Amino acid sequence: MFHVKQRRMDYHLHTVHSFDGRQTMRELCETMVQRGVDEICLTEHIEPGHPDPTVDVPPLWDVWRQEIAEMRRAFPMLTIRAGVEIGDRTPDRERTQQLLRELHLDYHLLSLHLVNDVDCYDAARYYAGKTRQRAYRDYMEAKAESVLAWQDFDCVAHIGYVSRYAPYDSAEKALRYEDAPDAFDAIFRKLIAEGKCLEVNTSGYRDTGDDLPSTGILRRYIELGGELFTFGSDSHDTARDYERIDEAREHVRSLGGKYQVSFRNREMTMYEL
């Protein structure tokens, strides 16, 4: 489905139903309405098998769904979609996929936080004894393996997550296409062939000074024929809701990007950038 009219949307959001969320669903909706947002998608974390037991804490799904229904009644001017951020871990894929089949959500956002069972967030452990080249290469090899192995997803989240916590100066911090061109190309060719989306995650502006993925990576996706994007703030609190998404959308449009995408019952709607 295709629409010409632009739409202000945030497709990566967390509330207190995620283990690290710091905003209630009502606070999120109130903030988005105040900021003139048309549509949001809740992407609470699932992290089956994460080695930190405080992370592997999924939402209470019945409570979460009931609250979404309440918010839809309270905020009829705001379209609210139900999604999930999938924290991939190889040994737990079948269990995760079975859960997703049972949930019947609007949107599946495929994410990767663990590389060799270490979360990149834990910078002291992840970067210990590694060169920048090795740290980033390991991440991209794991990311490519994850994307190529999964089928039931709609979009790939925050490529470059590893760089958010990297101990490098600003010139070296952002993950670049040149760090793993074969891995990037393998991911992008699958997305393009199967009509999947690439997420532009605006949390990168704070951490690396660029989008996640960074500009050169976005340019390569578009060069290969990639057209489909979602935009997400990856916000966990009201201060960051919808943060710099208008700027990111304009940036992608200037690079030659074509469509911003939304989902309902896993069905795509496209909006011209």
Protein backbone atom coordinates (compact mmCIF):
# COMPACT_ATOMS: atom_id res chain seq x y z
CA MET A 1 0.00 0.00 0.00
CA PHE A 2 1.29 3.46 -0.89
CA HIS A 3 0.37 6.95 0.33
CA VAL A 4 1.89 10.23 -0.86
CA LYS A 5 1.16 12.32 2.22
CA GLN A 6 3.97 12.43 4.81
CA ARG A 7 3.32 11.22 8.34
CA ARG A 8 5.12 11.96 11.62
CA MET A 9 5.88 8.56 13.14
CA ASP A 10 8.20 7.02 15.73
CA TYR A 11 8.68 3.27 15.35
CA HIS A 12 11.11 2.45 18.16
CA LEU A 13 9.82 3.19 21.65
CA HIS A 14 10.02 1.71 25.14
CA THR A 15 7.85 2.17 28.22
CA VAL A 16 8.00 0.75 31.73
CA HIS A 17 6.87 -2.54 30.18
CA SER A 18 10.47 -2.90 28.98
CA PHE A 19 13.07 -3.77 31.60
CA ASP A 20 14.87 -0.45 31.01
CA GLY A 21 11.89 1.79 30.24
CA ARG A 22 11.41 4.92 32.32
CA GLN A 23 8.12 6.32 30.99
CA THR A 24 4.58 5.10 31.41
CA MET A 25 2.51 4.47 28.32
CA ARG A 26 0.29 7.42 29.21
CA GLU A 27 3.31 9.72 29.60
CA LEU A 28 4.56 8.58 26.21
CA CYS A 29 1.22 9.22 24.52
CA GLU A 30 0.77 12.61 26.14
CA THR A 31 4.24 13.67 25.01
CA MET A 32 3.72 12.47 21.46
CA VAL A 33 0.42 14.31 21.13
CA GLN A 34 2.08 17.48 22.46
CA ARG A 35 4.82 17.09 19.82
CA GLY A 36 2.38 16.67 16.96
CA VAL A 37 3.16 13.03 16.23
CA ASP A 38 0.64 11.07 14.15
CA GLU A 39 1.63 7.48 14.84
CA ILE A 40 3.79 5.48 17.25
CA CYS A 41 4.77 1.86 17.56
CA LEU A 42 5.62 0.38 20.94
CA THR A 43 8.62 -1.92 20.61
CA GLU A 44 9.11 -3.38 24.06
CA HIS A 45 12.15 -5.58 24.58
CA ILE A 46 12.21 -9.33 24.48
CA GLU A 47 15.64 -10.84 25.21
CA PRO A 48 15.20 -14.61 25.62
CA GLY A 49 18.33 -16.20 27.04
CA HIS A 50 20.16 -12.95 27.73
CA PRO A 51 22.95 -13.77 30.20
CA ASP A 52 21.85 -10.94 32.49
CA PRO A 53 18.62 -12.15 34.14
CA THR A 54 17.52 -8.56 34.77
CA VAL A 55 17.39 -8.07 30.99
CA ASP A 56 15.50 -11.25 30.10
CA VAL A 57 12.27 -9.88 31.58
CA PRO A 58 9.50 -9.69 28.97
CA PRO A 59 6.39 -7.57 29.36
CA LEU A 60 3.30 -8.98 31.03
CA TRP A 61 1.56 -9.28 27.69
CA ASP A 62 -2.06 -9.24 28.88
CA VAL A 63 -1.44 -6.15 31.01
CA TRP A 64 0.43 -4.49 28.15
CA ARG A 65 -2.34 -5.16 25.63
CA GLN A 66 -5.00 -3.91 28.01
CA GLU A 67 -3.07 -0.68 28.52
CA ILE A 68 -2.66 -0.20 24.77
CA ALA A 69 -6.43 -0.53 24.38
CA GLU A 70 -6.93 2.06 27.13
CA MET A 71 -4.49 4.47 25.48
CA ARG A 72 -6.19 4.08 22.11
CA ARG A 73 -9.46 5.16 23.71
CA ALA A 74 -7.80 8.02 25.62
CA PHE A 75 -5.80 9.34 22.63
CA PRO A 76 -7.93 8.82 19.48
CA MET A 77 -5.83 11.39 17.62
CA LEU A 78 -2.71 9.17 17.97
CA THR A 79 -2.36 5.90 16.08
CA ILE A 80 -0.77 3.35 18.44
CA ARG A 81 0.72 0.15 17.03
CA ALA A 82 1.86 -2.88 19.03
CA GLY A 83 5.33 -4.12 18.18
CA VAL A 84 8.36 -5.76 19.72
CA GLU A 85 12.13 -5.35 19.63
CA ILE A 86 13.55 -8.84 19.22
CA GLY A 87 16.84 -9.32 21.01
CA ASP A 88 18.30 -12.15 18.95
CA ARG A 89 20.37 -14.89 20.55
CA THR A 90 21.22 -17.93 18.42
CA PRO A 91 20.41 -20.73 20.92
CA ASP A 92 17.01 -19.20 21.70
CA ARG A 93 15.74 -18.48 18.19
CA GLU A 94 13.13 -21.21 18.01
CA ARG A 95 11.73 -20.24 21.43
CA THR A 96 11.63 -16.59 20.38
CA GLN A 97 9.94 -17.36 17.08
CA GLN A 98 7.30 -19.45 18.83
CA LEU A 99 6.56 -16.54 21.18
CA LEU A 100 6.19 -14.19 18.22
CA ARG A 101 3.75 -16.55 16.52
CA GLU A 102 1.60 -16.45 19.65
CA LEU A 103 1.66 -12.66 20.09
CA HIS A 104 0.14 -11.57 16.74
CA LEU A 105 1.69 -8.09 16.72
CA ASP A 106 1.70 -5.26 14.20
CA TYR A 107 5.48 -5.07 13.83
CA HIS A 108 8.59 -7.19 14.37
CA LEU A 109 11.82 -5.19 14.80
CA LEU A 110 14.88 -7.44 14.62
CA SER A 111 17.67 -6.36 16.94
CA LEU A 112 21.02 -7.67 18.13
CA HIS A 113 22.66 -6.67 21.40
CA LEU A 114 24.82 -9.72 22.11
CA VAL A 115 28.07 -10.61 20.35
CA ASN A 116 29.58 -13.86 21.59
CA ASP A 117 27.11 -13.58 24.48
CA VAL A 118 28.46 -10.19 25.61
CA ASP A 119 26.18 -7.17 25.33
CA CYS A 120 27.89 -4.26 23.56
CA TYR A 121 26.32 -2.07 26.25
CA ASP A 122 28.86 -3.61 28.65
CA ALA A 123 31.73 -1.71 27.07
CA ALA A 124 34.31 -2.69 29.68
CA ARG A 125 33.83 -6.36 28.78
CA TYR A 126 33.03 -6.07 25.09
CA TYR A 127 35.99 -3.88 24.10
CA ALA A 128 38.54 -5.45 26.44
CA GLY A 129 41.56 -6.65 24.47
CA LYS A 130 40.03 -5.77 21.07
CA THR A 131 41.18 -3.38 18.40
CA ARG A 132 38.54 -1.14 16.89
CA GLN A 133 38.71 -3.24 13.72
CA ARG A 134 38.10 -6.47 15.62
CA ALA A 135 35.35 -5.07 17.84
CA TYR A 136 33.39 -3.66 14.91
CA ARG A 137 34.05 -6.60 12.62
CA ASP A 138 32.83 -9.09 15.23
CA TYR A 139 29.65 -7.06 15.67
CA MET A 140 28.91 -6.87 11.95
CA GLU A 141 29.57 -10.57 11.39
CA ALA A 142 27.12 -11.36 14.19
CA LYS A 143 24.62 -8.85 12.82
CA ALA A 144 24.79 -10.32 9.33
CA GLU A 145 24.41 -13.87 10.66
CA SER A 146 21.35 -12.77 12.64
CA VAL A 147 19.62 -11.04 9.73
CA LEU A 148 20.36 -13.85 7.28
CA ALA A 149 19.09 -16.48 9.72
CA TRP A 150 15.78 -14.77 10.55
CA GLN A 151 12.74 -14.77 8.29
CA ASP A 152 9.83 -13.46 10.34
CA PHE A 153 10.72 -9.81 10.79
CA ASP A 154 9.74 -6.49 9.23
CA CYS A 155 12.74 -4.26 9.87
CA VAL A 156 16.36 -4.39 11.08
CA ALA A 157 17.08 -2.21 14.11
CA HIS A 158 19.92 0.21 14.81
CA ILE A 159 22.80 -1.14 12.73
CA GLY A 160 25.75 0.37 14.57
CA TYR A 161 24.47 -0.35 18.09
CA VAL A 162 28.05 -1.33 18.95
CA SER A 163 29.27 2.22 18.33
CA ARG A 164 26.96 3.80 20.91
CA TYR A 165 29.18 2.55 23.73
CA ALA A 166 32.54 2.54 21.97
CA PRO A 167 35.54 4.08 23.81
CA TYR A 168 36.78 5.95 20.74
CA ASP A 169 36.95 9.63 19.92
CA SER A 170 34.39 11.23 17.65
CA ALA A 171 36.38 10.67 14.47
CA GLU A 172 36.55 6.91 15.04
CA LYS A 173 33.35 6.18 16.93
CA ALA A 174 30.76 5.76 14.17
CA LEU A 175 30.56 2.37 12.48
CA ARG A 176 31.38 2.82 8.79
CA TYR A 177 30.57 0.84 5.66
CA GLU A 178 34.30 0.24 5.17
CA ASP A 179 34.46 -1.62 8.49
CA ALA A 180 32.66 -4.66 7.02
CA PRO A 181 31.47 -4.10 3.44
CA ASP A 182 30.67 -7.75 2.78
CA ALA A 183 28.49 -7.99 5.88
CA PHE A 184 26.62 -4.79 5.05
CA ASP A 185 26.01 -5.87 1.48
CA ALA A 186 24.73 -9.28 2.56
CA ILE A 187 22.25 -7.65 4.94
CA PHE A 188 21.08 -5.06 2.43
CA ARG A 189 20.65 -7.54 -0.41
CA LYS A 190 18.40 -9.67 1.77
CA LEU A 191 16.33 -6.68 2.88
CA ILE A 192 15.89 -5.49 -0.69
CA ALA A 193 15.10 -8.93 -2.12
CA GLU A 194 12.52 -9.69 0.57
CA GLY A 195 10.94 -6.24 0.91
CA LYS A 196 12.14 -5.68 4.48
CA CYS A 197 12.90 -2.27 5.99
CA LEU A 198 15.98 -0.60 7.39
CA GLU A 199 15.58 1.39 10.60
CA VAL A 200 17.10 4.84 10.96
CA ASN A 201 17.64 5.18 14.70
CA THR A 202 18.16 8.72 15.93
CA SER A 203 19.87 7.71 19.19
CA GLY A 204 23.08 7.76 17.19
CA TYR A 205 23.06 11.55 17.02
CA ARG A 206 23.81 11.75 20.73
CA ASP A 207 26.42 9.01 20.78
CA THR A 208 28.21 9.24 17.42
CA GLY A 209 27.01 12.49 15.83
CA ASP A 210 25.24 10.59 13.03
CA ASP A 211 22.26 8.34 12.47
CA LEU A 212 22.36 4.63 13.20
CA PRO A 213 23.32 3.43 10.66
CA SER A 214 25.66 6.26 9.72
CA THR A 215 25.45 8.26 6.51
CA GLY A 216 27.84 6.20 4.40
CA ILE A 217 25.99 3.00 5.29
CA LEU A 218 22.64 4.56 4.44
CA ARG A 219 24.08 5.74 1.14
CA ARG A 220 25.21 2.19 0.29
CA TYR A 221 21.77 0.72 1.07
CA ILE A 222 20.16 3.25 -1.25
CA GLU A 223 22.83 2.64 -3.90
CA LEU A 224 22.01 -1.07 -3.90
CA GLY A 225 18.32 -0.26 -4.42
CA GLY A 226 17.04 0.02 -0.85
CA GLU A 227 13.90 2.11 -0.58
CA LEU A 228 12.10 1.23 2.66
CA PHE A 229 12.83 2.95 5.98
CA THR A 230 11.36 3.23 9.44
CA PHE A 231 12.46 5.97 11.82
CA GLY A 232 12.76 5.52 15.57
CA SER A 233 14.03 7.54 18.49
CA ASP A 234 14.72 4.42 20.60
CA SER A 235 13.37 6.50 23.46
CA HIS A 236 13.06 5.13 26.98
CA ASP A 237 11.87 8.41 28.57
CA THR A 238 9.80 11.43 27.60
CA ALA A 239 12.82 13.67 27.00
CA ARG A 240 13.78 11.65 23.94
CA ASP A 241 10.38 10.81 22.45
CA TYR A 242 10.41 11.58 18.70
CA GLU A 243 13.89 13.08 19.13
CA ARG A 244 15.31 14.41 15.82
CA ILE A 245 13.17 12.18 13.62
CA ASP A 246 12.12 15.03 11.32
CA GLU A 247 15.81 15.81 10.84
CA ALA A 248 16.68 12.17 10.13
CA ARG A 249 13.83 11.79 7.66
CA GLU A 250 14.98 14.86 5.74
CA HIS A 251 18.56 13.57 5.79
CA VAL A 252 17.55 10.23 4.28
CA ARG A 253 15.45 12.00 1.66
CA SER A 254 18.47 14.12 0.71
CA LEU A 255 20.49 10.93 0.17
CA GLY A 256 17.90 9.60 -2.26
CA GLY A 257 15.76 7.56 0.13
CA LYS A 258 12.20 7.05 -1.08
CA TYR A 259 9.74 5.72 1.48
CA GLN A 260 8.92 5.84 5.17
CA VAL A 261 6.93 2.80 6.25
CA SER A 262 4.33 1.95 8.89
CA PHE A 263 2.77 -1.39 9.81
CA ARG A 264 -0.60 -2.74 10.87
CA ASN A 265 -1.01 -6.47 11.43
CA ARG A 266 2.38 -6.89 9.72
CA GLU A 267 1.01 -5.18 6.58
CA MET A 268 3.05 -2.28 5.22
CA THR A 269 1.95 1.23 4.29
CA MET A 270 4.46 3.40 2.41
CA TYR A 271 4.75 7.19 2.58
CA GLU A 272 6.95 9.26 0.30
CA LEU A 273 9.86 10.92 2.09
